[in-house]
Amino acid sequence: MSIPITRRAFAAALVAAFLVAAMAGQRAQASEDDPAFVFIEDVGGQAVAVLRDKANSTFEEREAAFRAIMVKGFDVPLVSRFVLGRHWKAATEEQRKAYMNIFLDFIVRVYASRFDSYGGEEFVVRSVIDDESGDKIVRTQVLRPSGGQPVHVDFRVRERKERLKVIDVVVEGISMLHTHRVEFTSVINRKGLDGLLGDLQARLDAPVESAAE
């Protein structure tokens, strides 16, 4: 597989997108009642419940549960179109449908496999900030069991059709949206959109454990 879609450190920290509030031991007092805080807390609680039931579930069952959580918590259509960038407009209707389907499958597979390696990190909500764009930025830290330097993770939350959705995760200054966009664009420039779809499908067809690489 030639496409370097994910980075080990980036994807590991993205676990916080689901776990942040449910595992939080501390809160920023001024943000406790903010709808964005409550929203992330709810999504995180559902993800933690899946992780804690590993002994009584298969990976396929956990993957399906994470898919439902991602569909509920993330604006997947917006994220997937942004990641494809200018190539979305040039794509045929058939290519768009194929891409939308495979993008969700790919993201779920990659991050479900990452979640399965969860090893006791603690995710702490620090504050919720009103961004000038109208979005909410939920600032958190990933605390390492070893006591090393925490990882700073920001979640961009936007109201979409009267519901809050995560539209980006920024880990130590690295944006999920922009990272995937650069990587996808690189593949499209070399292989075309059909080549990207083929690479993503190959990743899905590979053994589950390889998705975490």
C-alpha atoms as a PDB file:
ATOM      1  CA  MET A   1       0.000   0.000   0.000  1.00  0.00           C
ATOM      2  CA  SER A   2       1.661   3.216  -1.128  1.00  0.00           C
ATOM      3  CA  ILE A   3      -0.580   5.842   0.407  1.00  0.00           C
ATOM      4  CA  PRO A   4       0.707   7.216   3.760  1.00  0.00           C
ATOM      5  CA  ILE A   5      -2.791   8.218   4.894  1.00  0.00           C
ATOM      6  CA  THR A   6      -2.189   8.412   8.619  1.00  0.00           C
ATOM      7  CA  ARG A   7       0.566   9.236  11.055  1.00  0.00           C
ATOM      8  CA  ARG A   8       0.979   7.067  14.121  1.00  0.00           C
ATOM      9  CA  ALA A   9       1.222   9.944  16.591  1.00  0.00           C
ATOM     10  CA  PHE A  10      -1.572  11.931  14.952  1.00  0.00           C
ATOM     11  CA  ALA A  11      -4.021   9.048  14.811  1.00  0.00           C
ATOM     12  CA  ALA A  12      -3.293   7.961  18.368  1.00  0.00           C
ATOM     13  CA  ALA A  13      -4.053  11.433  19.647  1.00  0.00           C
ATOM     14  CA  LEU A  14      -7.289  11.536  17.645  1.00  0.00           C
ATOM     15  CA  VAL A  15      -8.692   9.015  20.111  1.00  0.00           C
ATOM     16  CA  ALA A  16      -9.404  12.067  22.215  1.00  0.00           C
ATOM     17  CA  ALA A  17     -12.033  13.165  19.737  1.00  0.00           C
ATOM     18  CA  PHE A  18     -14.306  10.603  21.328  1.00  0.00           C
ATOM     19  CA  LEU A  19     -12.861  10.051  24.772  1.00  0.00           C
ATOM     20  CA  VAL A  20     -12.042  13.560  25.876  1.00  0.00           C
ATOM     21  CA  ALA A  21     -14.944  14.504  28.102  1.00  0.00           C
ATOM     22  CA  ALA A  22     -15.924  11.101  29.363  1.00  0.00           C
ATOM     23  CA  MET A  23     -12.446  10.516  30.770  1.00  0.00           C
ATOM     24  CA  ALA A  24     -11.970  14.085  31.988  1.00  0.00           C
ATOM     25  CA  GLY A  25     -11.008  14.495  35.611  1.00  0.00           C
ATOM     26  CA  GLN A  26     -10.874  18.294  35.422  1.00  0.00           C
ATOM     27  CA  ARG A  27     -13.004  20.988  33.795  1.00  0.00           C
ATOM     28  CA  ALA A  28     -12.690  24.642  32.987  1.00  0.00           C
ATOM     29  CA  GLN A  29     -15.369  26.069  35.282  1.00  0.00           C
ATOM     30  CA  ALA A  30     -16.456  28.734  32.829  1.00  0.00           C
ATOM     31  CA  SER A  31     -17.159  26.101  30.161  1.00  0.00           C
ATOM     32  CA  GLU A  32     -19.072  23.429  32.081  1.00  0.00           C
ATOM     33  CA  ASP A  33     -22.464  24.476  30.769  1.00  0.00           C
ATOM     34  CA  ASP A  34     -21.343  25.249  27.240  1.00  0.00           C
ATOM     35  CA  PRO A  35     -23.303  23.150  24.703  1.00  0.00           C
ATOM     36  CA  ALA A  36     -20.066  22.213  22.933  1.00  0.00           C
ATOM     37  CA  PHE A  37     -18.649  20.805  26.167  1.00  0.00           C
ATOM     38  CA  VAL A  38     -21.808  18.812  26.839  1.00  0.00           C
ATOM     39  CA  PHE A  39     -21.837  17.550  23.249  1.00  0.00           C
ATOM     40  CA  ILE A  40     -18.251  16.254  23.377  1.00  0.00           C
ATOM     41  CA  GLU A  41     -18.927  14.734  26.787  1.00  0.00           C
ATOM     42  CA  ASP A  42     -21.885  12.792  25.411  1.00  0.00           C
ATOM     43  CA  VAL A  43     -20.010  11.492  22.371  1.00  0.00           C
ATOM     44  CA  GLY A  44     -17.018  10.595  24.525  1.00  0.00           C
ATOM     45  CA  GLY A  45     -19.171   8.666  26.971  1.00  0.00           C
ATOM     46  CA  GLN A  46     -20.507   6.481  24.185  1.00  0.00           C
ATOM     47  CA  ALA A  47     -17.003   5.715  22.905  1.00  0.00           C
ATOM     48  CA  VAL A  48     -15.716   4.814  26.358  1.00  0.00           C
ATOM     49  CA  ALA A  49     -18.609   2.389  26.794  1.00  0.00           C
ATOM     50  CA  VAL A  50     -17.499   0.600  23.609  1.00  0.00           C
ATOM     51  CA  LEU A  51     -13.878   0.415  24.766  1.00  0.00           C
ATOM     52  CA  ARG A  52     -14.793  -0.927  28.171  1.00  0.00           C
ATOM     53  CA  ASP A  53     -16.769  -3.752  26.586  1.00  0.00           C
ATOM     54  CA  LYS A  54     -13.851  -5.178  24.587  1.00  0.00           C
ATOM     55  CA  ALA A  55     -13.952  -8.467  26.485  1.00  0.00           C
ATOM     56  CA  ASN A  56     -17.558  -9.051  25.433  1.00  0.00           C
ATOM     57  CA  SER A  57     -17.450  -7.870  21.820  1.00  0.00           C
ATOM     58  CA  THR A  58     -15.669  -8.570  18.553  1.00  0.00           C
ATOM     59  CA  PHE A  59     -13.671  -5.965  16.638  1.00  0.00           C
ATOM     60  CA  GLU A  60     -16.390  -5.955  13.982  1.00  0.00           C
ATOM     61  CA  GLU A  61     -18.995  -5.085  16.610  1.00  0.00           C
ATOM     62  CA  ARG A  62     -16.829  -2.321  18.042  1.00  0.00           C
ATOM     63  CA  GLU A  63     -16.122  -0.984  14.565  1.00  0.00           C
ATOM     64  CA  ALA A  64     -19.857  -0.807  13.855  1.00  0.00           C
ATOM     65  CA  ALA A  65     -20.392   1.022  17.149  1.00  0.00           C
ATOM     66  CA  PHE A  66     -17.667   3.533  16.333  1.00  0.00           C
ATOM     67  CA  ARG A  67     -19.184   4.068  12.903  1.00  0.00           C
ATOM     68  CA  ALA A  68     -22.470   5.060  14.521  1.00  0.00           C
ATOM     69  CA  ILE A  69     -20.643   7.382  16.937  1.00  0.00           C
ATOM     70  CA  MET A  70     -18.700   9.040  14.125  1.00  0.00           C
ATOM     71  CA  VAL A  71     -21.802   9.547  11.989  1.00  0.00           C
ATOM     72  CA  LYS A  72     -23.526  11.130  14.973  1.00  0.00           C
ATOM     73  CA  GLY A  73     -20.625  13.234  16.227  1.00  0.00           C
ATOM     74  CA  PHE A  74     -18.830  14.338  13.058  1.00  0.00           C
ATOM     75  CA  ASP A  75     -20.036  16.214   9.990  1.00  0.00           C
ATOM     76  CA  VAL A  76     -18.753  13.471   7.705  1.00  0.00           C
ATOM     77  CA  PRO A  77     -20.102  14.942   4.425  1.00  0.00           C
ATOM     78  CA  LEU A  78     -18.438  18.302   5.104  1.00  0.00           C
ATOM     79  CA  VAL A  79     -15.147  16.703   6.189  1.00  0.00           C
ATOM     80  CA  SER A  80     -15.003  14.321   3.234  1.00  0.00           C
ATOM     81  CA  ARG A  81     -15.678  17.055   0.666  1.00  0.00           C
ATOM     82  CA  PHE A  82     -13.129  19.380   2.239  1.00  0.00           C
ATOM     83  CA  VAL A  83     -10.490  16.649   2.237  1.00  0.00           C
ATOM     84  CA  LEU A  84     -11.043  16.038  -1.488  1.00  0.00           C
ATOM     85  CA  GLY A  85     -10.656  19.782  -2.140  1.00  0.00           C
ATOM     86  CA  ARG A  86     -10.880  21.034  -5.708  1.00  0.00           C
ATOM     87  CA  HIS A  87     -11.052  17.460  -6.988  1.00  0.00           C
ATOM     88  CA  TRP A  88     -14.625  17.207  -5.688  1.00  0.00           C
ATOM     89  CA  LYS A  89     -15.886  19.585  -8.403  1.00  0.00           C
ATOM     90  CA  ALA A  90     -14.029  17.685 -11.116  1.00  0.00           C
ATOM     91  CA  ALA A  91     -15.328  14.277  -9.989  1.00  0.00           C
ATOM     92  CA  THR A  92     -18.177  12.531 -11.776  1.00  0.00           C
ATOM     93  CA  GLU A  93     -21.354  11.744  -9.869  1.00  0.00           C
ATOM     94  CA  GLU A  94     -20.347   8.083  -9.781  1.00  0.00           C
ATOM     95  CA  GLN A  95     -16.917   8.952  -8.385  1.00  0.00           C
ATOM     96  CA  ARG A  96     -18.456  11.216  -5.750  1.00  0.00           C
ATOM     97  CA  LYS A  97     -20.782   8.460  -4.520  1.00  0.00           C
ATOM     98  CA  ALA A  98     -17.963   5.924  -4.431  1.00  0.00           C
ATOM     99  CA  TYR A  99     -15.701   8.354  -2.593  1.00  0.00           C
ATOM    100  CA  MET A 100     -18.305   9.308   0.024  1.00  0.00           C
ATOM    101  CA  ASN A 101     -18.950   5.655   0.809  1.00  0.00           C
ATOM    102  CA  ILE A 102     -15.314   4.605   0.974  1.00  0.00           C
ATOM    103  CA  PHE A 103     -14.175   7.679   2.908  1.00  0.00           C
ATOM    104  CA  LEU A 104     -16.435   6.872   5.848  1.00  0.00           C
ATOM    105  CA  ASP A 105     -15.470   3.191   5.748  1.00  0.00           C
ATOM    106  CA  PHE A 106     -11.777   4.120   5.671  1.00  0.00           C
ATOM    107  CA  ILE A 107     -11.918   6.639   8.502  1.00  0.00           C
ATOM    108  CA  VAL A 108     -13.923   4.278  10.691  1.00  0.00           C
ATOM    109  CA  ARG A 109     -11.530   1.372  10.034  1.00  0.00           C
ATOM    110  CA  VAL A 110      -8.399   3.397  10.757  1.00  0.00           C
ATOM    111  CA  TYR A 111      -9.609   5.006  13.955  1.00  0.00           C
ATOM    112  CA  ALA A 112     -11.516   1.992  15.268  1.00  0.00           C
ATOM    113  CA  SER A 113      -8.237   0.073  15.098  1.00  0.00           C
ATOM    114  CA  ARG A 114      -6.515   2.936  16.924  1.00  0.00           C
ATOM    115  CA  PHE A 115      -9.150   2.954  19.646  1.00  0.00           C
ATOM    116  CA  ASP A 116      -8.540  -0.743  20.224  1.00  0.00           C
ATOM    117  CA  SER A 117      -4.987   0.078  21.290  1.00  0.00           C
ATOM    118  CA  TYR A 118      -6.246   2.438  24.012  1.00  0.00           C
ATOM    119  CA  GLY A 119      -3.866   2.118  26.929  1.00  0.00           C
ATOM    120  CA  GLY A 120      -5.074   4.215  29.822  1.00  0.00           C
ATOM    121  CA  GLU A 121      -4.434   7.771  28.622  1.00  0.00           C
ATOM    122  CA  GLU A 122      -6.537  10.431  30.323  1.00  0.00           C
ATOM    123  CA  PHE A 123      -8.244  13.134  28.278  1.00  0.00           C
ATOM    124  CA  VAL A 124      -8.891  16.389  30.065  1.00  0.00           C
ATOM    125  CA  VAL A 125     -11.129  19.228  28.910  1.00  0.00           C
ATOM    126  CA  ARG A 126      -9.445  22.541  29.658  1.00  0.00           C
ATOM    127  CA  SER A 127     -11.704  25.178  28.106  1.00  0.00           C
ATOM    128  CA  VAL A 128     -14.201  26.050  25.398  1.00  0.00           C
ATOM    129  CA  ILE A 129     -13.420  29.101  23.271  1.00  0.00           C
ATOM    130  CA  ASP A 130     -15.701  31.107  20.962  1.00  0.00           C
ATOM    131  CA  ASP A 131     -13.894  31.298  17.622  1.00  0.00           C
ATOM    132  CA  GLU A 132     -14.346  34.408  15.463  1.00  0.00           C
ATOM    133  CA  SER A 133     -15.759  32.161  12.721  1.00  0.00           C
ATOM    134  CA  GLY A 134     -18.680  31.252  14.961  1.00  0.00           C
ATOM    135  CA  ASP A 135     -17.301  27.777  15.727  1.00  0.00           C
ATOM    136  CA  LYS A 136     -16.473  26.519  19.218  1.00  0.00           C
ATOM    137  CA  ILE A 137     -12.947  25.348  19.970  1.00  0.00           C
ATOM    138  CA  VAL A 138     -12.892  22.728  22.728  1.00  0.00           C
ATOM    139  CA  ARG A 139      -9.363  22.686  24.136  1.00  0.00           C
ATOM    140  CA  THR A 140      -8.144  19.498  25.764  1.00  0.00           C
ATOM    141  CA  GLN A 141      -5.034  17.617  26.770  1.00  0.00           C
ATOM    142  CA  VAL A 142      -4.126  13.954  26.432  1.00  0.00           C
ATOM    143  CA  LEU A 143      -2.322  12.945  29.634  1.00  0.00           C
ATOM    144  CA  ARG A 144       0.141  10.082  29.292  1.00  0.00           C
ATOM    145  CA  PRO A 145       0.173   7.234  31.871  1.00  0.00           C
ATOM    146  CA  SER A 146       3.966   7.532  31.969  1.00  0.00           C
ATOM    147  CA  GLY A 147       3.719  11.149  33.087  1.00  0.00           C
ATOM    148  CA  GLY A 148       5.340  12.564  29.949  1.00  0.00           C
ATOM    149  CA  GLN A 149       4.429  15.829  28.283  1.00  0.00           C
ATOM    150  CA  PRO A 150       0.669  16.019  27.568  1.00  0.00           C
ATOM    151  CA  VAL A 151      -0.595  16.193  23.982  1.00  0.00           C
ATOM    152  CA  HIS A 152      -2.680  19.278  23.197  1.00  0.00           C
ATOM    153  CA  VAL A 153      -5.824  18.543  21.189  1.00  0.00           C
ATOM    154  CA  ASP A 154      -8.363  21.097  19.958  1.00  0.00           C
ATOM    155  CA  PHE A 155     -11.796  20.133  18.609  1.00  0.00           C
ATOM    156  CA  ARG A 156     -13.561  22.489  16.245  1.00  0.00           C
ATOM    157  CA  VAL A 157     -17.303  22.197  16.808  1.00  0.00           C
ATOM    158  CA  ARG A 158     -19.868  23.804  14.521  1.00  0.00           C
ATOM    159  CA  GLU A 159     -23.646  24.022  14.576  1.00  0.00           C
ATOM    160  CA  ARG A 160     -24.951  22.216  11.495  1.00  0.00           C
ATOM    161  CA  LYS A 161     -28.697  22.133  10.884  1.00  0.00           C
ATOM    162  CA  GLU A 162     -29.339  22.985  14.535  1.00  0.00           C
ATOM    163  CA  ARG A 163     -27.048  20.191  15.751  1.00  0.00           C
ATOM    164  CA  LEU A 164     -23.449  20.377  16.927  1.00  0.00           C
ATOM    165  CA  LYS A 165     -20.858  18.469  14.909  1.00  0.00           C
ATOM    166  CA  VAL A 166     -17.092  18.064  15.101  1.00  0.00           C
ATOM    167  CA  ILE A 167     -15.596  19.334  11.849  1.00  0.00           C
ATOM    168  CA  ASP A 168     -11.892  19.188  12.661  1.00  0.00           C
ATOM    169  CA  VAL A 169      -9.416  17.920  15.235  1.00  0.00           C
ATOM    170  CA  VAL A 170      -6.095  19.720  15.685  1.00  0.00           C
ATOM    171  CA  VAL A 171      -3.357  17.747  17.438  1.00  0.00           C
ATOM    172  CA  GLU A 172      -0.339  19.796  18.509  1.00  0.00           C
ATOM    173  CA  GLY A 173      -1.138  22.253  15.729  1.00  0.00           C
ATOM    174  CA  ILE A 174      -1.739  19.573  13.069  1.00  0.00           C
ATOM    175  CA  SER A 175      -5.228  19.630  11.518  1.00  0.00           C
ATOM    176  CA  MET A 176      -6.945  16.341  10.674  1.00  0.00           C
ATOM    177  CA  LEU A 177      -8.665  17.967   7.687  1.00  0.00           C
ATOM    178  CA  HIS A 178      -5.543  19.516   6.249  1.00  0.00           C
ATOM    179  CA  THR A 179      -3.392  16.437   6.875  1.00  0.00           C
ATOM    180  CA  HIS A 180      -5.731  14.134   4.960  1.00  0.00           C
ATOM    181  CA  ARG A 181      -6.270  16.765   2.273  1.00  0.00           C
ATOM    182  CA  VAL A 182      -2.541  17.021   1.560  1.00  0.00           C
ATOM    183  CA  GLU A 183      -2.131  13.246   1.518  1.00  0.00           C
ATOM    184  CA  PHE A 184      -5.171  12.609  -0.680  1.00  0.00           C
ATOM    185  CA  THR A 185      -4.127  15.357  -3.098  1.00  0.00           C
ATOM    186  CA  SER A 186      -0.674  13.812  -3.400  1.00  0.00           C
ATOM    187  CA  VAL A 187      -2.175  10.475  -4.422  1.00  0.00           C
ATOM    188  CA  ILE A 188      -4.660  12.065  -6.853  1.00  0.00           C
ATOM    189  CA  ASN A 189      -1.868  14.044  -8.525  1.00  0.00           C
ATOM    190  CA  ARG A 190       0.027  10.806  -9.119  1.00  0.00           C
ATOM    191  CA  LYS A 191      -2.791   8.332  -9.771  1.00  0.00           C
ATOM    192  CA  GLY A 192      -5.978  10.280 -10.333  1.00  0.00           C
ATOM    193  CA  LEU A 193      -9.150  10.060  -8.274  1.00  0.00           C
ATOM    194  CA  ASP A 194      -9.770   6.451  -9.272  1.00  0.00           C
ATOM    195  CA  GLY A 195      -6.273   5.678  -8.047  1.00  0.00           C
ATOM    196  CA  LEU A 196      -7.096   7.193  -4.660  1.00  0.00           C
ATOM    197  CA  LEU A 197     -10.285   5.154  -4.465  1.00  0.00           C
ATOM    198  CA  GLY A 198      -8.301   2.036  -5.304  1.00  0.00           C
ATOM    199  CA  ASP A 199      -5.713   2.761  -2.623  1.00  0.00           C
ATOM    200  CA  LEU A 200      -8.392   3.351   0.000  1.00  0.00           C
ATOM    201  CA  GLN A 201     -10.182   0.142  -0.977  1.00  0.00           C
ATOM    202  CA  ALA A 202      -6.919  -1.789  -0.753  1.00  0.00           C
ATOM    203  CA  ARG A 203      -6.464  -0.445   2.764  1.00  0.00           C
ATOM    204  CA  LEU A 204      -9.942  -1.672   3.682  1.00  0.00           C
ATOM    205  CA  ASP A 205      -9.286  -5.092   2.129  1.00  0.00           C
ATOM    206  CA  ALA A 206      -6.029  -5.523   4.071  1.00  0.00           C
ATOM    207  CA  PRO A 207      -5.925  -7.299   7.469  1.00  0.00           C
ATOM    208  CA  VAL A 208      -7.540  -5.211  10.203  1.00  0.00           C
ATOM    209  CA  GLU A 209      -4.352  -4.931  12.222  1.00  0.00           C
ATOM    210  CA  SER A 210      -2.585  -3.183   9.336  1.00  0.00           C
ATOM    211  CA  ALA A 211      -5.081  -0.293   9.485  1.00  0.00           C
ATOM    212  CA  ALA A 212      -3.403   1.002  12.624  1.00  0.00           C
ATOM    213  CA  GLU A 213      -0.024   1.393  10.869  1.00  0.00           C
END
